[in-house]
Amino acid sequence: MKNMGFRWYGDNDPITLQNIRQIPGTTQVVGALFDVPVGEVWPKEKIKHLKDEVEAAGLKLEVIESVNIHDDIKIGLPTRDQYIDNYKQTIRNLAEFGIKVICYNFMPIFDWLRTDLHYQLADGSNDMAFEQAKLADDPQEIIDSTRDGSRGYVLPGWEPERLATIEKLFKDYQGVDEAKLRENMKYFLDAIIPTCEEVGIRMAMHPDDPPRPLFGLPRVYKNAEDMRIIEAMHESPYNGFCICTGSLGENPKNDVPAIIREFVKKDRAPFIHARNIKFMNAQGDFHESAHLSSEGSLDMYEIMKALYDTGFDGYIRPDHGRNIWGEDGVPGYGLYDRALGITYLNGLWESLEKDHA
């Protein structure tokens, strides 16, 4: 696949750009700036530094994941207009350096959540898992957990200063139900999509992960029906989706290949996260798995076939992998299992191409 990518966490990532360059079939780095506070404009000089680093390694930087959205926008506070203006300027700045897609999410408080970062597998590897019974119904438990520094919950990508305000965040989101969150999302999209059209950057919204309500907080991207609602909020191919096969696949009712066929055909899916998960029980608890169909609960061949059949030519990357061969870096974002994932996905794609030659 010509636009196969690999997520990179910058200079502090134990995985180097040279490591990524050595993965066969990989041409893209999916990057971001991690030292700019949420809501502030991304400086051009920092974007240029990131792009220059990536290109010096012989790779391309055309997808950013993520430009996070300030909570004031999601809540709908009067201060949101200033944060939206900052977001629009960041879009313009990224466009100057050849960025084509921005991945983002509209999840209240949590980007994604797991109950175990090191779930032990029978083969000696470990990965991330979500078990509903380990999650309290009362958000006060999360508040207490973060206050006393315990590791009861996994809140990835959270800045320490944001964790310190979690109690206030929960209070601020009181009264924000699904309808209100959608209303605030439409306000955001109506403001930024004309800028995206002007500069040629496509927005790719990531699904809620897991795709179910948590702690009474609303979720707006859980399934195909939600996607159609979001699509109708602002009719433009620049208002698009990141189809994360693992996130959507965490609900067994979601037909992931069918979702791909619908939204790729409509030119609404410029970015794909291809990963597998394994259901642990009938209640829908799951853990991440190797990408192979035989290792998980999703049929990755049918997922890749749906992409092939619809003529997908956007950007794709492997997602959460296992910790294998003694690696213990960023949970879900090690080198080895994601590299194996790329090899597997490219192998499926080559097979599809030859079958239809």
Protein backbone atom coordinates (compact mmCIF):
# COMPACT_ATOMS: atom_id res chain seq x y z
CA MET A 1 0.00 0.00 0.00
CA LYS A 2 1.53 3.28 -1.10
CA ASN A 3 0.51 5.29 1.97
CA MET A 4 1.38 2.87 4.77
CA GLY A 5 2.33 4.78 7.90
CA PHE A 6 3.71 4.31 11.39
CA ARG A 7 2.83 6.47 14.38
CA TRP A 8 5.84 8.19 15.91
CA TYR A 9 5.97 10.07 19.22
CA GLY A 10 8.86 12.35 18.33
CA ASP A 11 12.36 12.67 19.70
CA ASN A 12 11.39 11.11 23.04
CA ASP A 13 10.11 7.96 21.35
CA PRO A 14 12.48 5.01 21.91
CA ILE A 15 11.64 4.01 18.33
CA THR A 16 13.76 5.98 15.87
CA LEU A 17 12.89 7.22 12.42
CA GLN A 18 15.62 4.93 11.10
CA ASN A 19 13.80 1.98 12.71
CA ILE A 20 10.62 3.02 10.91
CA ARG A 21 12.45 3.48 7.59
CA GLN A 22 13.59 -0.15 7.78
CA ILE A 23 10.04 -1.56 7.92
CA PRO A 24 9.36 -2.75 4.34
CA GLY A 25 6.53 -0.91 2.62
CA THR A 26 6.41 2.00 5.07
CA THR A 27 6.44 5.48 3.52
CA GLN A 28 4.64 7.71 6.02
CA VAL A 29 5.19 8.88 9.56
CA VAL A 30 2.03 9.77 11.45
CA GLY A 31 3.24 12.45 13.83
CA ALA A 32 2.25 15.32 16.10
CA LEU A 33 3.58 18.01 18.39
CA PHE A 34 3.39 16.81 21.98
CA ASP A 35 4.75 19.88 23.74
CA VAL A 36 2.08 22.39 22.69
CA PRO A 37 -0.74 22.75 25.25
CA VAL A 38 -4.20 21.80 24.00
CA GLY A 39 -5.93 24.85 22.58
CA GLU A 40 -2.81 26.78 21.60
CA VAL A 41 -1.72 27.44 18.01
CA TRP A 42 0.94 25.05 16.69
CA PRO A 43 4.00 27.20 15.84
CA LYS A 44 5.28 27.00 12.28
CA GLU A 45 8.88 26.55 13.40
CA LYS A 46 7.98 23.42 15.39
CA ILE A 47 5.96 21.98 12.51
CA LYS A 48 8.89 22.64 10.16
CA HIS A 49 11.32 20.94 12.55
CA LEU A 50 9.14 17.83 12.69
CA LYS A 51 8.71 17.70 8.92
CA ASP A 52 12.42 18.24 8.28
CA GLU A 53 13.31 15.41 10.68
CA VAL A 54 10.92 12.99 8.98
CA GLU A 55 11.99 13.88 5.46
CA ALA A 56 15.68 13.66 6.37
CA ALA A 57 14.99 10.03 7.29
CA GLY A 58 13.56 9.37 3.81
CA LEU A 59 9.92 9.33 4.92
CA LYS A 60 6.88 11.57 4.44
CA LEU A 61 4.80 13.53 6.92
CA GLU A 62 1.27 14.05 5.55
CA VAL A 63 -0.95 12.92 8.46
CA ILE A 64 -1.11 14.50 11.91
CA GLU A 65 -2.50 12.54 14.85
CA SER A 66 -3.77 14.37 16.75
CA VAL A 67 -4.63 18.05 17.02
CA ASN A 68 -6.61 17.71 20.23
CA ILE A 69 -9.73 19.77 20.85
CA HIS A 70 -10.02 21.90 23.96
CA ASP A 71 -12.72 20.81 26.41
CA ASP A 72 -14.32 24.28 26.26
CA ILE A 73 -15.28 23.51 22.64
CA LYS A 74 -16.81 20.16 23.55
CA ILE A 75 -18.65 21.62 26.54
CA GLY A 76 -19.79 24.68 24.56
CA LEU A 77 -18.43 27.38 26.87
CA PRO A 78 -18.25 31.04 25.71
CA THR A 79 -14.46 30.73 25.49
CA ARG A 80 -14.77 28.16 22.69
CA ASP A 81 -14.59 30.74 19.89
CA GLN A 82 -11.02 31.70 20.76
CA TYR A 83 -9.97 28.04 20.87
CA ILE A 84 -11.69 27.43 17.53
CA ASP A 85 -9.83 30.39 16.02
CA ASN A 86 -6.59 28.89 17.31
CA TYR A 87 -7.52 25.53 15.80
CA LYS A 88 -8.17 27.16 12.42
CA GLN A 89 -4.78 28.85 12.53
CA THR A 90 -3.14 25.52 13.34
CA ILE A 91 -4.87 24.03 10.27
CA ARG A 92 -3.47 26.83 8.11
CA ASN A 93 0.01 26.40 9.58
CA LEU A 94 -0.02 22.64 8.98
CA ALA A 95 -1.19 23.13 5.40
CA GLU A 96 1.89 25.27 4.68
CA PHE A 97 4.02 22.19 5.32
CA GLY A 98 2.09 19.75 3.16
CA ILE A 99 -0.16 18.11 5.74
CA LYS A 100 -3.17 16.45 4.07
CA VAL A 101 -5.10 14.84 6.97
CA ILE A 102 -5.70 15.72 10.63
CA CYS A 103 -6.95 12.93 12.88
CA TYR A 104 -8.89 14.05 15.96
CA ASN A 105 -11.59 12.87 18.35
CA PHE A 106 -14.56 14.39 20.15
CA MET A 107 -14.53 12.18 23.25
CA PRO A 108 -15.37 13.91 26.53
CA ILE A 109 -12.49 13.82 29.04
CA PHE A 110 -10.94 10.51 27.89
CA ASP A 111 -9.11 10.00 24.60
CA TRP A 112 -9.41 6.25 25.12
CA LEU A 113 -9.50 4.04 28.16
CA ARG A 114 -8.20 0.62 29.17
CA THR A 115 -8.33 -1.14 32.53
CA ASP A 116 -4.99 -2.96 32.02
CA LEU A 117 -1.90 -1.84 30.11
CA HIS A 118 -0.07 -5.15 30.57
CA TYR A 119 -2.63 -7.92 30.19
CA GLN A 120 -0.69 -11.18 30.20
CA LEU A 121 -1.16 -13.52 27.24
CA ALA A 122 -0.48 -17.25 27.19
CA ASP A 123 2.55 -16.90 24.90
CA GLY A 124 4.35 -14.61 27.37
CA SER A 125 3.61 -11.36 25.56
CA ASN A 126 1.30 -8.72 26.95
CA ASP A 127 -1.07 -6.10 25.62
CA MET A 128 -3.83 -3.72 26.67
CA ALA A 129 -7.25 -4.88 27.83
CA PHE A 130 -10.65 -3.52 28.81
CA GLU A 131 -12.83 -5.32 31.34
CA GLN A 132 -16.09 -3.59 32.23
CA ALA A 133 -16.31 -5.15 35.70
CA LYS A 134 -13.07 -3.44 36.68
CA LEU A 135 -14.56 -0.05 35.88
CA ALA A 136 -16.59 1.61 38.61
CA ASP A 137 -19.93 3.19 37.78
CA ASP A 138 -19.09 6.22 39.90
CA PRO A 139 -16.64 8.71 38.34
CA GLN A 140 -15.61 9.70 41.86
CA GLU A 141 -13.44 6.57 41.89
CA ILE A 142 -11.44 7.92 38.97
CA ILE A 143 -11.17 11.27 40.71
CA ASP A 144 -9.90 9.62 43.90
CA SER A 145 -7.59 7.35 41.89
CA THR A 146 -5.85 10.22 40.13
CA ARG A 147 -5.69 12.26 43.31
CA ASP A 148 -3.83 9.57 45.26
CA GLY A 149 -1.59 8.64 42.34
CA SER A 150 -2.79 5.04 42.01
CA ARG A 151 -2.77 3.18 38.70
CA GLY A 152 -6.35 2.04 38.87
CA TYR A 153 -7.22 3.49 35.47
CA VAL A 154 -5.28 4.11 32.32
CA LEU A 155 -5.71 7.61 30.95
CA PRO A 156 -3.39 7.75 27.92
CA GLY A 157 -2.03 11.02 26.66
CA TRP A 158 -3.15 12.99 29.70
CA GLU A 159 -0.96 15.87 30.73
CA PRO A 160 -0.32 16.02 34.53
CA GLU A 161 -1.94 19.43 34.76
CA ARG A 162 -5.09 18.08 33.09
CA LEU A 163 -5.25 15.12 35.46
CA ALA A 164 -5.11 17.59 38.32
CA THR A 165 -8.35 19.19 37.09
CA ILE A 166 -10.31 16.00 36.48
CA GLU A 167 -12.84 16.76 39.23
CA LYS A 168 -13.63 20.12 37.66
CA LEU A 169 -13.86 18.52 34.20
CA PHE A 170 -16.53 16.09 35.36
CA LYS A 171 -18.50 18.97 36.86
CA ASP A 172 -18.13 21.03 33.67
CA TYR A 173 -19.54 18.17 31.60
CA GLN A 174 -22.67 17.89 33.75
CA GLY A 175 -25.61 18.73 31.52
CA VAL A 176 -23.72 17.82 28.33
CA ASP A 177 -25.73 14.91 26.99
CA GLU A 178 -25.41 13.27 23.58
CA ALA A 179 -27.62 15.87 21.89
CA LYS A 180 -25.65 18.76 23.39
CA LEU A 181 -22.30 17.21 22.49
CA ARG A 182 -23.48 16.78 18.91
CA GLU A 183 -24.68 20.38 18.84
CA ASN A 184 -21.26 21.53 20.01
CA MET A 185 -19.55 19.32 17.46
CA LYS A 186 -21.61 20.81 14.62
CA TYR A 187 -20.66 24.30 15.82
CA PHE A 188 -17.00 23.25 15.66
CA LEU A 189 -17.30 21.64 12.22
CA ASP A 190 -19.23 24.56 10.73
CA ALA A 191 -16.41 26.83 11.88
CA ILE A 192 -13.38 24.82 10.72
CA ILE A 193 -14.46 22.95 7.57
CA PRO A 194 -14.44 26.07 5.33
CA THR A 195 -10.82 26.60 6.42
CA CYS A 196 -10.05 22.96 5.62
CA GLU A 197 -11.58 23.36 2.16
CA GLU A 198 -9.58 26.52 1.61
CA VAL A 199 -6.20 24.96 2.40
CA GLY A 200 -6.82 21.33 1.37
CA ILE A 201 -6.68 19.50 4.71
CA ARG A 202 -9.18 16.72 5.46
CA MET A 203 -10.44 16.08 8.98
CA ALA A 204 -10.63 12.44 10.09
CA MET A 205 -12.61 11.87 13.29
CA HIS A 206 -11.54 8.86 15.37
CA PRO A 207 -14.23 6.60 16.88
CA ASP A 208 -14.99 6.54 20.59
CA ASP A 209 -12.85 3.92 22.28
CA PRO A 210 -14.42 1.83 23.64
CA PRO A 211 -17.61 2.65 21.70
CA ARG A 212 -19.91 2.70 24.71
CA PRO A 213 -20.95 5.26 27.37
CA LEU A 214 -18.55 5.58 30.29
CA PHE A 215 -19.27 7.28 33.63
CA GLY A 216 -22.41 8.87 32.20
CA LEU A 217 -20.43 10.78 29.57
CA PRO A 218 -21.96 10.90 26.08
CA ARG A 219 -20.41 9.17 23.06
CA VAL A 220 -21.12 10.33 19.51
CA TYR A 221 -19.05 8.09 17.18
CA LYS A 222 -19.85 4.49 18.04
CA ASN A 223 -21.29 2.99 14.83
CA ALA A 224 -22.41 3.65 11.25
CA GLU A 225 -25.58 5.44 12.36
CA ASP A 226 -23.49 7.93 14.35
CA MET A 227 -21.24 8.40 11.33
CA ARG A 228 -24.20 9.29 9.13
CA ILE A 229 -25.32 11.89 11.68
CA ILE A 230 -21.84 13.42 11.77
CA GLU A 231 -21.60 13.32 7.99
CA ALA A 232 -24.84 15.31 7.74
CA MET A 233 -23.60 17.95 10.21
CA HIS A 234 -21.50 19.53 7.48
CA GLU A 235 -21.76 18.07 3.98
CA SER A 236 -18.20 18.11 2.71
CA PRO A 237 -15.57 15.45 1.94
CA TYR A 238 -13.33 17.44 4.28
CA ASN A 239 -15.59 16.37 7.16
CA GLY A 240 -14.42 12.78 7.28
CA PHE A 241 -13.56 9.84 9.49
CA CYS A 242 -10.66 7.80 10.69
CA ILE A 243 -12.07 4.29 10.55
CA CYS A 244 -10.33 2.46 13.38
CA THR A 245 -11.16 -1.19 12.88
CA GLY A 246 -10.29 -2.06 16.47
CA SER A 247 -12.33 0.69 18.10
CA LEU A 248 -15.42 0.02 15.99
CA GLY A 249 -14.80 -3.72 16.21
CA GLU A 250 -14.96 -3.57 20.02
CA ASN A 251 -18.73 -3.65 19.54
CA PRO A 252 -19.50 -7.03 17.90
CA LYS A 253 -22.66 -5.55 16.39
CA ASN A 254 -20.57 -3.29 14.15
CA ASP A 255 -19.96 -4.75 10.68
CA VAL A 256 -16.57 -3.16 10.08
CA PRO A 257 -16.15 -4.20 6.41
CA ALA A 258 -19.65 -2.83 5.65
CA ILE A 259 -18.76 0.45 7.37
CA ILE A 260 -15.61 0.67 5.25
CA ARG A 261 -17.53 0.01 2.05
CA GLU A 262 -20.12 2.67 2.81
CA PHE A 263 -17.84 5.51 3.84
CA VAL A 264 -14.86 4.90 1.56
CA LYS A 265 -17.26 4.82 -1.40
CA LYS A 266 -18.61 8.19 -0.24
CA ASP A 267 -15.06 9.57 0.01
CA ARG A 268 -15.44 10.19 3.75
CA ALA A 269 -12.61 8.01 5.09
CA PRO A 270 -9.15 9.41 4.32
CA PHE A 271 -7.44 7.55 7.17
CA ILE A 272 -7.59 3.95 8.45
CA HIS A 273 -6.30 2.40 11.66
CA ALA A 274 -6.01 -1.32 10.97
CA ARG A 275 -5.86 -3.45 14.10
CA ASN A 276 -7.41 -6.53 15.63
CA ILE A 277 -8.91 -7.27 19.05
CA LYS A 278 -9.89 -10.47 20.85
CA PHE A 279 -13.14 -10.78 22.77
CA MET A 280 -12.65 -12.39 26.16
CA ASN A 281 -16.29 -13.21 26.99
CA ALA A 282 -19.90 -12.68 25.98
CA GLN A 283 -20.00 -9.37 27.87
CA GLY A 284 -17.73 -7.75 25.29
CA ASP A 285 -14.55 -7.47 27.35
CA PHE A 286 -11.54 -7.53 25.04
CA HIS A 287 -7.81 -7.32 24.75
CA GLU A 288 -5.64 -6.18 21.86
CA SER A 289 -4.13 -8.90 19.72
CA ALA A 290 -1.71 -9.52 16.91
CA HIS A 291 -3.10 -8.21 13.63
CA LEU A 292 -3.70 -11.65 12.08
CA SER A 293 -7.30 -12.82 11.68
CA SER A 294 -6.37 -16.10 13.37
CA GLU A 295 -5.22 -14.26 16.50
CA GLY A 296 -8.22 -11.97 16.99
CA SER A 297 -11.96 -11.69 16.59
CA LEU A 298 -11.97 -9.51 13.46
CA ASP A 299 -11.54 -10.82 9.92
CA MET A 300 -8.66 -8.68 8.70
CA TYR A 301 -8.80 -10.23 5.23
CA GLU A 302 -12.38 -9.03 4.78
CA ILE A 303 -11.42 -5.63 6.17
CA MET A 304 -8.58 -5.26 3.68
CA LYS A 305 -10.75 -6.64 0.88
CA ALA A 306 -13.35 -3.95 1.62
CA LEU A 307 -10.62 -1.32 1.27
CA TYR A 308 -9.38 -2.88 -1.97
CA ASP A 309 -12.85 -3.29 -3.49
CA THR A 310 -13.71 0.37 -2.83
CA GLY A 311 -10.48 1.64 -4.37
CA PHE A 312 -9.10 3.04 -1.12
CA ASP A 313 -6.02 5.19 -1.78
CA GLY A 314 -5.81 7.13 1.49
CA TYR A 315 -3.56 6.71 4.49
CA ILE A 316 -3.39 3.63 6.71
CA ARG A 317 -1.35 2.52 9.68
CA PRO A 318 -1.24 -0.47 12.03
CA ASP A 319 -2.54 0.27 15.50
CA HIS A 320 -2.13 -1.04 19.04
CA GLY A 321 0.20 -4.00 19.11
CA ARG A 322 1.46 -6.38 21.77
CA ASN A 323 4.67 -6.04 23.76
CA ILE A 324 6.80 -8.89 22.40
CA TRP A 325 10.44 -10.02 22.43
CA GLY A 326 11.20 -8.18 25.67
CA GLU A 327 10.10 -4.76 24.45
CA ASP A 328 8.56 -2.51 27.10
CA GLY A 329 8.00 0.93 25.59
CA VAL A 330 4.83 2.94 25.17
CA PRO A 331 1.97 0.42 25.72
CA GLY A 332 0.42 -0.48 22.39
CA TYR A 333 3.08 1.38 20.44
CA GLY A 334 6.10 -0.86 20.37
CA LEU A 335 8.20 -1.42 17.28
CA TYR A 336 8.10 -5.16 16.72
CA ASP A 337 4.42 -6.10 16.72
CA ARG A 338 3.40 -3.05 14.68
CA ALA A 339 6.15 -3.84 12.16
CA LEU A 340 4.78 -7.38 11.91
CA GLY A 341 1.34 -5.84 11.45
CA ILE A 342 2.54 -3.78 8.49
CA THR A 343 4.09 -6.86 6.89
CA TYR A 344 0.82 -8.78 7.34
CA LEU A 345 -1.38 -5.97 6.01
CA ASN A 346 0.87 -5.45 2.99
CA GLY A 347 0.83 -9.19 2.37
CA LEU A 348 -2.97 -9.23 2.33
CA TRP A 349 -2.97 -6.27 -0.05
CA GLU A 350 -0.48 -7.93 -2.41
CA SER A 351 -2.64 -11.05 -2.44
CA LEU A 352 -5.73 -8.99 -3.30
CA GLU A 353 -3.90 -7.21 -6.11
CA LYS A 354 -2.67 -10.47 -7.63
CA ASP A 355 -6.07 -12.13 -7.30
CA HIS A 356 -7.61 -9.28 -9.32
CA ALA A 357 -4.82 -8.84 -11.84
